N, C-alpha and C. Protein backbone atom coordinates (compact mmCIF):
# COMPACT_ATOMS: atom_id res chain seq x y z
N MET A 1 -10.62 -3.29 -17.25
CA MET A 1 -9.21 -3.71 -17.32
C MET A 1 -8.94 -4.64 -16.17
N THR A 2 -8.64 -5.93 -16.50
CA THR A 2 -8.31 -6.91 -15.43
C THR A 2 -6.85 -7.10 -15.25
N LYS A 3 -6.45 -6.91 -14.15
CA LYS A 3 -5.08 -6.92 -13.80
C LYS A 3 -4.69 -8.40 -13.63
N ARG A 4 -3.43 -8.79 -14.18
CA ARG A 4 -3.05 -10.14 -14.11
C ARG A 4 -2.48 -10.31 -12.63
N GLN A 5 -2.64 -11.54 -12.19
CA GLN A 5 -2.20 -11.89 -10.75
C GLN A 5 -0.70 -11.81 -10.70
N PRO A 6 -0.15 -11.23 -9.67
CA PRO A 6 1.30 -11.19 -9.50
C PRO A 6 1.78 -12.61 -9.02
N PRO A 7 3.07 -12.84 -9.31
CA PRO A 7 3.67 -14.21 -8.97
C PRO A 7 3.73 -14.34 -7.50
N VAL A 8 3.88 -15.54 -7.00
CA VAL A 8 4.10 -15.91 -5.59
C VAL A 8 5.43 -16.43 -5.13
N ASP A 9 6.28 -16.50 -6.24
CA ASP A 9 7.76 -16.86 -6.20
C ASP A 9 8.51 -16.12 -7.20
N GLY A 10 9.87 -16.12 -6.95
CA GLY A 10 10.76 -15.42 -7.90
C GLY A 10 10.56 -14.01 -7.99
N TYR A 11 10.72 -13.44 -9.24
CA TYR A 11 10.78 -12.01 -9.33
C TYR A 11 9.41 -11.51 -9.97
N CYS A 12 8.87 -10.44 -9.35
CA CYS A 12 7.65 -9.80 -9.89
C CYS A 12 8.05 -8.55 -10.79
N GLU A 13 7.62 -8.71 -12.12
CA GLU A 13 8.02 -7.64 -13.05
C GLU A 13 7.22 -6.39 -12.72
N GLN A 14 6.00 -6.50 -12.26
CA GLN A 14 5.13 -5.38 -12.00
C GLN A 14 5.67 -4.39 -10.92
N CYS A 15 6.13 -5.03 -9.85
CA CYS A 15 6.51 -4.11 -8.75
C CYS A 15 8.07 -4.17 -8.35
N GLY A 16 8.73 -5.19 -8.86
CA GLY A 16 10.15 -5.44 -8.63
C GLY A 16 10.55 -6.19 -7.42
N PHE A 17 9.54 -6.76 -6.70
CA PHE A 17 9.87 -7.63 -5.60
C PHE A 17 10.49 -8.97 -6.03
N ASN A 18 11.41 -9.45 -5.26
CA ASN A 18 12.18 -10.74 -5.51
C ASN A 18 12.12 -11.60 -4.33
N TYR A 19 11.41 -12.73 -4.43
CA TYR A 19 11.25 -13.64 -3.31
C TYR A 19 12.66 -14.29 -2.97
N ASP A 20 13.59 -14.19 -3.83
CA ASP A 20 14.90 -14.92 -3.69
C ASP A 20 16.01 -14.12 -3.09
N THR A 21 15.76 -12.91 -2.77
CA THR A 21 16.82 -12.02 -2.25
C THR A 21 16.41 -11.40 -0.97
N GLY A 22 17.47 -11.10 -0.17
CA GLY A 22 17.13 -10.31 1.04
C GLY A 22 16.98 -11.31 2.37
N ASP A 23 17.42 -10.83 3.41
CA ASP A 23 17.30 -11.59 4.64
C ASP A 23 16.12 -11.19 5.38
N LEU A 24 15.77 -11.95 6.54
CA LEU A 24 14.47 -11.67 7.26
C LEU A 24 14.46 -10.26 7.74
N GLN A 25 15.45 -9.89 8.38
CA GLN A 25 15.43 -8.46 9.07
C GLN A 25 15.26 -7.40 7.92
N GLY A 26 16.01 -7.50 6.80
CA GLY A 26 15.83 -6.52 5.73
C GLY A 26 14.52 -6.57 5.08
N THR A 27 13.92 -7.76 5.02
CA THR A 27 12.61 -7.95 4.33
C THR A 27 11.52 -7.21 5.23
N VAL A 28 11.63 -7.48 6.60
CA VAL A 28 10.64 -6.77 7.50
C VAL A 28 10.83 -5.32 7.55
N THR A 29 12.08 -4.89 7.53
CA THR A 29 12.25 -3.31 7.43
C THR A 29 11.64 -2.77 6.20
N LEU A 30 11.85 -3.42 5.07
CA LEU A 30 11.32 -2.93 3.86
C LEU A 30 9.78 -3.03 3.94
N LEU A 31 9.15 -3.97 4.52
CA LEU A 31 7.67 -4.01 4.65
C LEU A 31 7.21 -2.75 5.49
N ILE A 32 7.80 -2.53 6.55
CA ILE A 32 7.37 -1.53 7.43
C ILE A 32 7.50 -0.06 6.75
N ARG A 33 8.68 0.11 6.13
CA ARG A 33 8.86 1.31 5.35
C ARG A 33 7.82 1.59 4.20
N GLN A 34 7.58 0.39 3.51
CA GLN A 34 6.63 0.61 2.45
C GLN A 34 5.16 0.72 2.90
N SER A 35 4.87 0.07 4.06
CA SER A 35 3.53 0.40 4.73
C SER A 35 3.37 1.74 5.13
N ALA A 36 4.48 2.37 5.51
CA ALA A 36 4.40 3.87 5.85
C ALA A 36 4.12 4.72 4.53
N ASP A 37 4.70 4.25 3.46
CA ASP A 37 4.43 4.90 2.14
C ASP A 37 3.00 4.79 1.81
N CYS A 38 2.41 3.67 1.97
CA CYS A 38 0.94 3.48 1.77
C CYS A 38 0.17 4.41 2.62
N SER A 39 0.46 4.43 3.88
CA SER A 39 -0.27 5.26 4.78
C SER A 39 -0.15 6.79 4.43
N MET A 40 0.94 7.20 4.12
CA MET A 40 1.24 8.58 3.91
C MET A 40 0.58 9.04 2.46
N ALA A 41 0.68 8.15 1.50
CA ALA A 41 -0.06 8.45 0.39
C ALA A 41 -1.45 8.68 0.47
N LEU A 42 -2.18 7.72 1.36
CA LEU A 42 -3.59 7.90 1.52
C LEU A 42 -3.96 9.05 2.32
N THR A 43 -3.23 9.42 3.32
CA THR A 43 -3.47 10.53 4.13
C THR A 43 -3.26 11.94 3.40
N LYS A 44 -2.21 11.89 2.58
CA LYS A 44 -1.94 13.11 1.79
C LYS A 44 -3.08 13.38 0.69
N ALA A 45 -3.50 12.33 0.17
CA ALA A 45 -4.55 12.47 -0.87
C ALA A 45 -5.81 12.91 -0.25
N ALA A 46 -6.16 12.30 0.93
CA ALA A 46 -7.38 12.66 1.62
C ALA A 46 -7.45 14.04 2.18
N ALA A 47 -6.23 14.56 2.48
CA ALA A 47 -6.12 15.96 2.90
C ALA A 47 -6.03 17.05 1.79
N GLY A 48 -6.11 16.56 0.61
CA GLY A 48 -5.99 17.41 -0.43
C GLY A 48 -7.22 18.23 -0.91
N PRO A 49 -7.24 18.85 -2.04
CA PRO A 49 -8.37 19.68 -2.38
C PRO A 49 -9.71 18.79 -2.54
N ASP A 50 -9.61 17.56 -2.93
CA ASP A 50 -10.75 16.73 -3.08
C ASP A 50 -10.63 15.41 -2.24
N PRO A 51 -10.98 15.32 -1.06
CA PRO A 51 -10.81 14.22 -0.18
C PRO A 51 -11.37 12.93 -0.75
N ASN A 52 -12.40 13.05 -1.50
CA ASN A 52 -13.01 11.76 -2.06
C ASN A 52 -12.25 11.19 -3.21
N VAL A 53 -11.12 11.79 -3.49
CA VAL A 53 -10.21 11.13 -4.63
C VAL A 53 -9.78 9.79 -4.18
N VAL A 54 -9.71 9.64 -2.92
CA VAL A 54 -9.24 8.20 -2.43
C VAL A 54 -10.24 7.16 -2.75
N ARG A 55 -11.44 7.53 -2.97
CA ARG A 55 -12.49 6.61 -3.22
C ARG A 55 -12.77 6.29 -4.75
N LEU A 56 -12.06 7.01 -5.53
CA LEU A 56 -12.38 6.79 -6.94
C LEU A 56 -11.66 5.63 -7.51
N ARG A 57 -12.38 4.92 -8.29
CA ARG A 57 -11.58 3.74 -9.07
C ARG A 57 -11.28 4.23 -10.52
N PRO A 58 -10.05 4.01 -10.87
CA PRO A 58 -9.59 4.34 -12.20
C PRO A 58 -10.34 3.52 -13.30
N GLU A 59 -10.78 2.31 -12.96
CA GLU A 59 -11.45 1.48 -13.84
C GLU A 59 -12.54 0.74 -12.94
N PRO A 60 -13.73 0.32 -13.53
CA PRO A 60 -14.75 -0.27 -12.67
C PRO A 60 -14.31 -1.47 -11.96
N ASP A 61 -13.39 -2.26 -12.55
CA ASP A 61 -12.91 -3.48 -11.85
C ASP A 61 -11.44 -3.33 -11.22
N VAL A 62 -11.08 -2.07 -10.91
CA VAL A 62 -9.82 -1.80 -10.35
C VAL A 62 -10.07 -1.04 -9.10
N TRP A 63 -9.53 -1.58 -7.92
CA TRP A 63 -9.93 -0.93 -6.55
C TRP A 63 -9.39 0.52 -6.57
N SER A 64 -10.05 1.31 -5.69
CA SER A 64 -9.63 2.63 -5.36
C SER A 64 -8.48 2.60 -4.43
N ALA A 65 -7.89 3.79 -4.14
CA ALA A 65 -6.73 3.90 -3.17
C ALA A 65 -7.15 3.43 -1.80
N ILE A 66 -8.36 3.73 -1.36
CA ILE A 66 -8.65 3.40 0.11
C ILE A 66 -9.03 1.91 0.21
N GLU A 67 -9.51 1.37 -1.05
CA GLU A 67 -9.82 -0.04 -1.03
C GLU A 67 -8.53 -0.95 -0.93
N TYR A 68 -7.50 -0.44 -1.69
CA TYR A 68 -6.20 -1.10 -1.56
C TYR A 68 -5.64 -0.85 -0.21
N ALA A 69 -5.71 0.28 0.33
CA ALA A 69 -5.13 0.55 1.72
C ALA A 69 -5.83 -0.37 2.77
N CYS A 70 -7.17 -0.48 2.65
CA CYS A 70 -7.88 -1.34 3.50
C CYS A 70 -7.45 -2.82 3.42
N HIS A 71 -7.14 -3.15 2.11
CA HIS A 71 -6.73 -4.64 1.87
C HIS A 71 -5.30 -4.77 2.52
N VAL A 72 -4.36 -3.78 2.28
CA VAL A 72 -3.13 -4.00 2.99
C VAL A 72 -3.18 -4.08 4.47
N ARG A 73 -3.96 -3.15 5.10
CA ARG A 73 -4.19 -3.27 6.54
C ARG A 73 -4.72 -4.72 6.93
N ASP A 74 -5.65 -5.08 6.21
CA ASP A 74 -6.17 -6.51 6.66
C ASP A 74 -5.23 -7.65 6.43
N VAL A 75 -4.44 -7.52 5.29
CA VAL A 75 -3.35 -8.51 5.01
C VAL A 75 -2.41 -8.50 6.23
N LEU A 76 -1.94 -7.37 6.71
CA LEU A 76 -1.03 -7.37 7.77
C LEU A 76 -1.55 -7.95 9.02
N GLU A 77 -2.79 -7.69 9.29
CA GLU A 77 -3.42 -8.33 10.44
C GLU A 77 -3.59 -9.87 10.29
N VAL A 78 -4.06 -10.24 9.14
CA VAL A 78 -4.41 -11.69 8.94
C VAL A 78 -3.00 -12.51 8.99
N GLN A 79 -1.92 -11.87 8.36
CA GLN A 79 -0.71 -12.58 8.29
C GLN A 79 0.06 -12.68 9.70
N ARG A 80 -0.21 -11.58 10.56
CA ARG A 80 0.39 -11.70 11.81
C ARG A 80 -0.33 -12.89 12.54
N GLN A 81 -1.61 -13.03 12.43
CA GLN A 81 -2.36 -14.14 13.07
C GLN A 81 -1.98 -15.39 12.58
N ARG A 82 -1.60 -15.47 11.25
CA ARG A 82 -1.14 -16.78 10.75
C ARG A 82 0.24 -17.15 11.23
N ILE A 83 1.09 -16.14 11.61
CA ILE A 83 2.38 -16.48 12.21
C ILE A 83 2.10 -17.13 13.55
N ALA A 84 1.16 -16.60 14.38
CA ALA A 84 0.83 -17.18 15.64
C ALA A 84 0.25 -18.47 15.59
N GLN A 85 -0.59 -18.69 14.58
CA GLN A 85 -1.27 -19.98 14.29
C GLN A 85 -0.11 -21.00 13.99
N CYS A 86 0.73 -20.71 13.10
CA CYS A 86 1.78 -21.60 12.75
C CYS A 86 2.69 -22.07 13.93
N LEU A 87 2.91 -21.20 14.75
CA LEU A 87 3.80 -21.49 15.89
C LEU A 87 3.02 -22.35 16.90
N ALA A 88 1.69 -22.11 16.91
CA ALA A 88 0.92 -22.85 18.04
C ALA A 88 0.48 -24.30 17.55
N GLU A 89 0.43 -24.52 16.22
CA GLU A 89 -0.15 -25.70 15.79
C GLU A 89 0.87 -26.62 15.00
N ASP A 90 0.69 -27.99 15.06
CA ASP A 90 1.63 -28.80 14.36
C ASP A 90 1.49 -28.73 12.87
N ARG A 91 0.28 -28.78 12.40
CA ARG A 91 0.03 -28.79 10.94
C ARG A 91 -1.09 -27.67 10.68
N PRO A 92 -0.69 -26.42 10.69
CA PRO A 92 -1.71 -25.33 10.58
C PRO A 92 -2.33 -25.32 9.14
N VAL A 93 -3.68 -25.14 9.13
CA VAL A 93 -4.32 -25.02 7.92
C VAL A 93 -4.98 -23.47 7.96
N TYR A 94 -4.49 -22.71 7.18
CA TYR A 94 -4.86 -21.30 7.20
C TYR A 94 -6.25 -21.06 6.59
N ALA A 95 -7.14 -20.39 7.27
CA ALA A 95 -8.52 -20.13 6.69
C ALA A 95 -8.35 -19.02 5.58
N PRO A 96 -9.09 -19.18 4.50
CA PRO A 96 -9.16 -18.16 3.45
C PRO A 96 -9.31 -16.84 3.95
N MET A 97 -8.72 -15.83 3.46
CA MET A 97 -8.86 -14.40 3.87
C MET A 97 -10.10 -13.86 3.25
N ASP A 98 -10.56 -14.39 2.10
CA ASP A 98 -11.74 -13.84 1.34
C ASP A 98 -11.51 -12.41 0.95
N ARG A 99 -10.37 -12.08 0.24
CA ARG A 99 -10.02 -10.73 0.00
C ARG A 99 -11.00 -9.93 -0.77
N THR A 100 -11.65 -10.59 -1.81
CA THR A 100 -12.73 -9.89 -2.60
C THR A 100 -14.06 -9.65 -1.73
N GLY A 101 -14.41 -10.65 -0.92
CA GLY A 101 -15.63 -10.50 -0.21
C GLY A 101 -15.55 -9.43 0.82
N ARG A 102 -14.32 -9.18 1.41
CA ARG A 102 -14.16 -8.18 2.47
C ARG A 102 -14.41 -6.75 1.82
N VAL A 103 -14.20 -6.52 0.68
CA VAL A 103 -14.44 -5.23 0.06
C VAL A 103 -15.82 -4.71 0.28
N LYS A 104 -16.85 -5.53 0.03
CA LYS A 104 -18.20 -5.20 0.27
C LYS A 104 -18.67 -5.49 1.70
N GLN A 105 -18.29 -6.60 2.28
CA GLN A 105 -18.75 -6.84 3.58
C GLN A 105 -18.40 -5.86 4.58
N GLN A 106 -17.05 -5.31 4.51
CA GLN A 106 -16.55 -4.32 5.39
C GLN A 106 -16.65 -2.83 4.93
N LYS A 107 -17.35 -2.71 3.65
CA LYS A 107 -17.47 -1.40 3.05
C LYS A 107 -16.26 -0.68 3.01
N TYR A 108 -15.22 -1.20 2.54
CA TYR A 108 -14.03 -0.50 2.33
C TYR A 108 -14.09 0.95 1.82
N GLU A 109 -14.88 1.07 0.80
CA GLU A 109 -15.09 2.38 0.18
C GLU A 109 -15.59 3.47 1.06
N ASP A 110 -16.24 3.16 2.15
CA ASP A 110 -16.79 4.13 3.14
C ASP A 110 -15.95 4.39 4.27
N GLN A 111 -14.82 3.68 4.37
CA GLN A 111 -14.08 3.81 5.58
C GLN A 111 -13.21 5.11 5.66
N ASP A 112 -13.10 5.63 6.91
CA ASP A 112 -12.32 6.82 7.04
C ASP A 112 -10.77 6.64 6.78
N PRO A 113 -10.37 7.39 5.82
CA PRO A 113 -8.95 7.16 5.30
C PRO A 113 -7.91 7.39 6.46
N MET A 114 -8.06 8.34 7.39
CA MET A 114 -7.17 8.60 8.40
C MET A 114 -7.15 7.48 9.41
N GLU A 115 -8.35 6.79 9.69
CA GLU A 115 -8.29 5.66 10.48
C GLU A 115 -7.65 4.43 9.86
N VAL A 116 -7.90 4.28 8.60
CA VAL A 116 -7.39 3.23 7.84
C VAL A 116 -5.77 3.27 7.87
N ALA A 117 -5.25 4.56 7.57
CA ALA A 117 -3.85 4.77 7.59
C ALA A 117 -3.22 4.48 8.94
N ALA A 118 -3.89 4.84 10.00
CA ALA A 118 -3.36 4.63 11.40
C ALA A 118 -3.36 3.21 11.67
N ALA A 119 -4.41 2.43 11.26
CA ALA A 119 -4.43 1.05 11.65
C ALA A 119 -3.46 0.20 10.80
N LEU A 120 -3.36 0.70 9.50
CA LEU A 120 -2.31 0.09 8.65
C LEU A 120 -0.98 0.05 9.30
N MET A 121 -0.60 1.21 9.85
CA MET A 121 0.74 1.30 10.41
C MET A 121 0.84 0.54 11.72
N ARG A 122 -0.15 0.48 12.47
CA ARG A 122 -0.19 -0.23 13.71
C ARG A 122 0.02 -1.66 13.40
N PHE A 123 -0.75 -2.34 12.41
CA PHE A 123 -0.65 -3.68 12.13
C PHE A 123 0.72 -3.97 11.44
N ALA A 124 1.30 -3.03 10.77
CA ALA A 124 2.61 -3.26 10.11
C ALA A 124 3.67 -3.50 11.29
N ARG A 125 3.61 -2.63 12.24
CA ARG A 125 4.50 -2.67 13.34
C ARG A 125 4.42 -4.01 14.17
N GLU A 126 3.08 -4.40 14.35
CA GLU A 126 2.78 -5.60 14.98
C GLU A 126 3.26 -6.82 14.17
N PHE A 127 3.00 -6.81 12.93
CA PHE A 127 3.57 -7.86 12.09
C PHE A 127 5.10 -7.98 12.17
N GLY A 128 5.72 -6.75 12.12
CA GLY A 128 7.18 -6.76 12.06
C GLY A 128 7.73 -7.30 13.46
N ALA A 129 7.07 -6.99 14.55
CA ALA A 129 7.60 -7.50 15.80
C ALA A 129 7.34 -9.03 15.86
N ALA A 130 6.30 -9.46 15.26
CA ALA A 130 6.18 -11.02 15.36
C ALA A 130 7.14 -11.65 14.44
N ALA A 131 7.52 -11.09 13.33
CA ALA A 131 8.34 -11.70 12.31
C ALA A 131 9.80 -11.66 12.66
N ARG A 132 10.35 -10.56 13.37
CA ARG A 132 11.63 -10.28 13.53
C ARG A 132 12.27 -11.42 14.46
N VAL A 133 11.50 -11.95 15.34
CA VAL A 133 12.03 -12.84 16.42
C VAL A 133 11.97 -14.29 16.01
N LEU A 134 11.50 -14.58 14.82
CA LEU A 134 11.31 -15.96 14.34
C LEU A 134 12.79 -16.63 14.17
N GLN A 135 12.96 -17.85 14.53
CA GLN A 135 14.24 -18.52 14.55
C GLN A 135 14.15 -19.32 13.16
N PRO A 136 15.39 -19.72 12.66
CA PRO A 136 15.42 -20.48 11.46
C PRO A 136 14.57 -21.74 11.37
N GLN A 137 14.42 -22.47 12.50
CA GLN A 137 13.66 -23.71 12.56
C GLN A 137 12.15 -23.32 12.44
N GLU A 138 11.81 -22.18 13.07
CA GLU A 138 10.35 -21.74 12.88
C GLU A 138 10.12 -21.13 11.52
N LEU A 139 11.13 -20.57 10.88
CA LEU A 139 10.84 -20.04 9.46
C LEU A 139 10.62 -21.12 8.58
N GLY A 140 11.22 -22.30 8.83
CA GLY A 140 11.02 -23.47 7.98
C GLY A 140 9.74 -24.30 8.22
N LYS A 141 8.87 -23.91 9.17
CA LYS A 141 7.77 -24.68 9.55
C LYS A 141 6.64 -24.61 8.42
N LEU A 142 5.95 -25.66 8.09
CA LEU A 142 5.06 -25.61 7.01
C LEU A 142 3.59 -25.40 7.49
N GLY A 143 2.77 -24.65 6.67
CA GLY A 143 1.35 -24.55 6.95
C GLY A 143 0.64 -24.58 5.58
N LEU A 144 -0.68 -24.95 5.56
CA LEU A 144 -1.38 -25.05 4.25
C LEU A 144 -1.96 -23.75 3.91
N TYR A 145 -1.40 -23.22 2.92
CA TYR A 145 -1.80 -21.84 2.37
C TYR A 145 -2.81 -22.03 1.17
N ASN A 146 -3.70 -21.08 1.04
CA ASN A 146 -4.81 -21.25 0.13
C ASN A 146 -4.65 -20.47 -1.24
N TYR A 147 -3.69 -19.43 -1.17
CA TYR A 147 -3.52 -18.50 -2.35
C TYR A 147 -2.21 -18.65 -2.99
N PRO A 148 -2.16 -18.83 -4.29
CA PRO A 148 -3.21 -18.68 -5.18
C PRO A 148 -3.75 -20.10 -5.49
N VAL A 149 -3.09 -21.12 -5.08
CA VAL A 149 -3.70 -22.54 -4.99
C VAL A 149 -3.37 -23.05 -3.68
N ARG A 150 -4.10 -24.08 -3.26
CA ARG A 150 -3.80 -24.66 -1.88
C ARG A 150 -2.57 -25.40 -1.96
N ALA A 151 -1.54 -25.06 -1.10
CA ALA A 151 -0.25 -25.71 -1.13
C ALA A 151 0.40 -25.36 0.18
N PRO A 152 1.29 -26.29 0.58
CA PRO A 152 2.11 -26.07 1.83
C PRO A 152 3.21 -25.02 1.61
N ARG A 153 3.24 -23.98 2.52
CA ARG A 153 4.23 -23.02 2.44
C ARG A 153 4.93 -22.76 3.87
N THR A 154 6.15 -22.49 3.66
CA THR A 154 6.99 -22.27 4.98
C THR A 154 6.57 -20.96 5.58
N LEU A 155 6.84 -20.74 6.83
CA LEU A 155 6.61 -19.52 7.51
C LEU A 155 7.55 -18.42 6.82
N GLY A 156 8.68 -18.83 6.45
CA GLY A 156 9.55 -17.88 5.83
C GLY A 156 8.95 -17.26 4.55
N TRP A 157 8.29 -18.19 3.83
CA TRP A 157 7.69 -17.66 2.48
C TRP A 157 6.45 -16.73 2.88
N VAL A 158 5.72 -17.06 4.05
CA VAL A 158 4.62 -16.21 4.40
C VAL A 158 5.15 -14.74 4.67
N ILE A 159 6.30 -14.68 5.35
CA ILE A 159 6.91 -13.31 5.64
C ILE A 159 7.16 -12.60 4.23
N ARG A 160 7.84 -13.27 3.34
CA ARG A 160 8.15 -12.69 2.11
C ARG A 160 6.92 -12.41 1.25
N HIS A 161 6.02 -13.34 1.35
CA HIS A 161 4.78 -12.96 0.60
C HIS A 161 4.00 -11.79 1.10
N THR A 162 4.00 -11.64 2.34
CA THR A 162 3.45 -10.40 3.01
C THR A 162 4.15 -9.13 2.54
N ALA A 163 5.51 -9.23 2.49
CA ALA A 163 6.34 -8.00 2.12
C ALA A 163 5.97 -7.73 0.55
N HIS A 164 5.81 -8.79 -0.17
CA HIS A 164 5.50 -8.64 -1.62
C HIS A 164 4.05 -7.93 -1.72
N GLU A 165 3.16 -8.44 -0.99
CA GLU A 165 1.85 -7.75 -1.00
C GLU A 165 1.87 -6.30 -0.65
N ILE A 166 2.67 -5.92 0.33
CA ILE A 166 2.73 -4.49 0.61
C ILE A 166 3.45 -3.67 -0.51
N GLN A 167 4.62 -4.26 -1.06
CA GLN A 167 5.29 -3.56 -2.04
C GLN A 167 4.48 -3.39 -3.30
N HIS A 168 3.71 -4.48 -3.72
CA HIS A 168 2.92 -4.44 -4.85
C HIS A 168 1.73 -3.46 -4.75
N HIS A 169 1.11 -3.44 -3.60
CA HIS A 169 -0.05 -2.55 -3.33
C HIS A 169 0.36 -1.18 -3.07
N ARG A 170 1.59 -0.88 -2.52
CA ARG A 170 2.14 0.38 -2.52
C ARG A 170 2.29 1.02 -3.96
N HIS A 171 2.66 0.18 -4.88
CA HIS A 171 2.77 0.58 -6.32
C HIS A 171 1.37 0.93 -6.86
N ASP A 172 0.47 0.05 -6.52
CA ASP A 172 -1.06 0.21 -7.00
C ASP A 172 -1.54 1.61 -6.46
N ILE A 173 -1.34 1.77 -5.13
CA ILE A 173 -1.97 3.06 -4.48
C ILE A 173 -1.38 4.29 -5.16
N ILE A 174 -0.03 4.33 -5.33
CA ILE A 174 0.53 5.45 -5.92
C ILE A 174 0.18 5.68 -7.27
N GLU A 175 0.16 4.60 -8.04
CA GLU A 175 -0.25 4.71 -9.58
C GLU A 175 -1.68 5.10 -9.67
N ILE A 176 -2.61 4.62 -8.86
CA ILE A 176 -4.09 4.92 -9.02
C ILE A 176 -4.23 6.41 -8.53
N LEU A 177 -3.55 6.90 -7.52
CA LEU A 177 -3.76 8.30 -7.16
C LEU A 177 -3.20 9.30 -8.23
N ALA A 178 -2.09 8.88 -8.78
CA ALA A 178 -1.57 9.56 -9.96
C ALA A 178 -2.57 9.74 -11.08
N LYS A 179 -3.46 8.67 -11.29
CA LYS A 179 -4.41 8.74 -12.31
C LYS A 179 -5.67 9.56 -11.93
N VAL A 180 -6.01 9.49 -10.74
CA VAL A 180 -7.32 10.14 -10.48
C VAL A 180 -7.29 11.43 -9.63
N GLU A 181 -6.15 11.84 -9.16
CA GLU A 181 -5.98 13.03 -8.37
C GLU A 181 -6.15 14.25 -9.42
N PRO A 182 -6.72 15.36 -8.97
CA PRO A 182 -6.87 16.49 -9.79
C PRO A 182 -5.51 17.11 -10.10
N PRO A 183 -5.12 17.51 -11.34
CA PRO A 183 -3.82 18.10 -11.46
C PRO A 183 -3.59 19.29 -10.68
N ILE A 184 -2.37 19.49 -10.24
CA ILE A 184 -1.91 20.79 -9.56
C ILE A 184 -1.56 21.75 -10.60
N VAL A 185 -2.17 22.96 -10.66
CA VAL A 185 -1.72 24.02 -11.60
C VAL A 185 -0.68 24.76 -11.14
N PRO A 186 0.46 24.78 -11.69
CA PRO A 186 1.57 25.60 -11.20
C PRO A 186 1.35 27.11 -11.12
N LYS A 187 2.03 27.76 -10.36
CA LYS A 187 1.95 29.16 -10.37
C LYS A 187 2.53 29.75 -11.57
N PRO A 188 2.05 30.83 -12.16
CA PRO A 188 2.63 31.40 -13.36
C PRO A 188 4.06 31.95 -12.97
N LYS A 189 4.98 31.73 -13.90
CA LYS A 189 6.35 32.16 -13.69
C LYS A 189 6.37 33.70 -13.91
N ILE A 190 7.21 34.41 -13.14
CA ILE A 190 7.46 35.85 -13.33
C ILE A 190 8.72 35.95 -13.93
N ASP A 191 8.75 36.47 -15.22
CA ASP A 191 9.91 36.63 -15.95
C ASP A 191 10.80 37.85 -15.53
N GLU A 192 12.09 37.86 -15.84
CA GLU A 192 12.95 38.92 -15.40
C GLU A 192 12.41 40.30 -15.77
N ALA A 193 11.86 40.47 -16.90
CA ALA A 193 11.40 41.69 -17.34
C ALA A 193 10.43 42.31 -16.39
N SER A 194 9.47 41.43 -15.94
CA SER A 194 8.47 41.86 -15.02
C SER A 194 9.01 42.26 -13.68
N GLU A 195 10.08 41.55 -13.15
CA GLU A 195 10.68 41.79 -11.96
C GLU A 195 11.41 43.12 -12.07
N GLU A 196 12.12 43.49 -13.23
CA GLU A 196 12.81 44.62 -13.37
C GLU A 196 11.92 45.83 -13.41
N GLY A 197 10.65 45.60 -13.90
CA GLY A 197 9.78 46.67 -14.03
C GLY A 197 8.90 46.86 -12.83
N SER A 198 9.37 46.33 -11.74
CA SER A 198 8.50 46.40 -10.51
C SER A 198 8.22 47.76 -9.97
N GLU A 199 8.88 48.79 -10.56
CA GLU A 199 8.59 50.25 -10.11
C GLU A 199 7.35 50.79 -10.79
N GLN A 200 6.62 49.97 -11.75
CA GLN A 200 5.49 50.43 -12.34
C GLN A 200 4.40 50.63 -11.31
N PRO A 201 3.46 51.43 -11.70
CA PRO A 201 2.26 51.64 -10.72
C PRO A 201 1.59 50.30 -10.46
N ALA A 202 1.04 50.33 -9.21
CA ALA A 202 0.48 49.08 -8.65
C ALA A 202 -0.60 48.53 -9.57
N ALA A 203 -1.47 49.46 -10.15
CA ALA A 203 -2.49 49.04 -11.01
C ALA A 203 -2.09 48.22 -12.21
N VAL A 204 -0.98 48.71 -12.72
CA VAL A 204 -0.40 47.98 -13.93
C VAL A 204 0.01 46.58 -13.56
N GLU A 205 0.70 46.47 -12.41
CA GLU A 205 1.17 45.19 -11.92
C GLU A 205 0.06 44.26 -11.68
N GLN A 206 -1.12 44.74 -11.24
CA GLN A 206 -2.20 43.83 -10.91
C GLN A 206 -2.78 43.23 -12.21
N VAL A 207 -2.81 44.07 -13.22
CA VAL A 207 -3.32 43.68 -14.46
C VAL A 207 -2.39 42.60 -15.12
N GLU A 208 -1.11 42.75 -14.91
CA GLU A 208 -0.11 41.74 -15.44
C GLU A 208 -0.22 40.38 -14.74
N VAL A 209 -0.50 40.38 -13.37
CA VAL A 209 -0.62 39.28 -12.61
C VAL A 209 -1.86 38.53 -13.00
N ALA A 210 -2.96 39.31 -13.22
CA ALA A 210 -4.18 38.73 -13.48
C ALA A 210 -4.19 37.98 -14.88
N ASP A 211 -3.45 38.45 -15.86
CA ASP A 211 -3.28 37.84 -17.12
C ASP A 211 -2.62 36.43 -16.92
């Protein structure tokens, strides 16, 4: 199953992100909150009955939860570096991130989920700190961006695009874990008749519970 590429402007039907709404501070706050969602989803799954569930791919060409989490972590780090580059250079040209190459080169699948989750949150806070202080004239500064096509993009767009990346992949991580996590078997309900008959001998009660 090949996922179609999300848009880089306007409204994303897959995750609900809208490039045309929200101010800078609200966008950064959303990014940090959803980064925390990614982090918590990963750690919760890794602490469950089958820790390796975070490494399972729902389809051969769809990343696992930890691969998406590693990608989110790296996006936050790279985009923070691009903010600094854009402020320091007159005509910044951003080097490609090589998002697909990193999966194998950095062995995303084998990384420790707790370390990934912690680094993800650290980079989210660092990105947020760098983005929050940007002034209107800085947000309008252009840099040459490579994804999905080579084109000049404002620093304000870079902030929004980063927020979209996080929201989109938060959706991916939660959706994938819902598919691959082992189902939780609920405890059997005890009906009122059983509760009223609680004065029965203990041996009888044990048989009823075992059933």
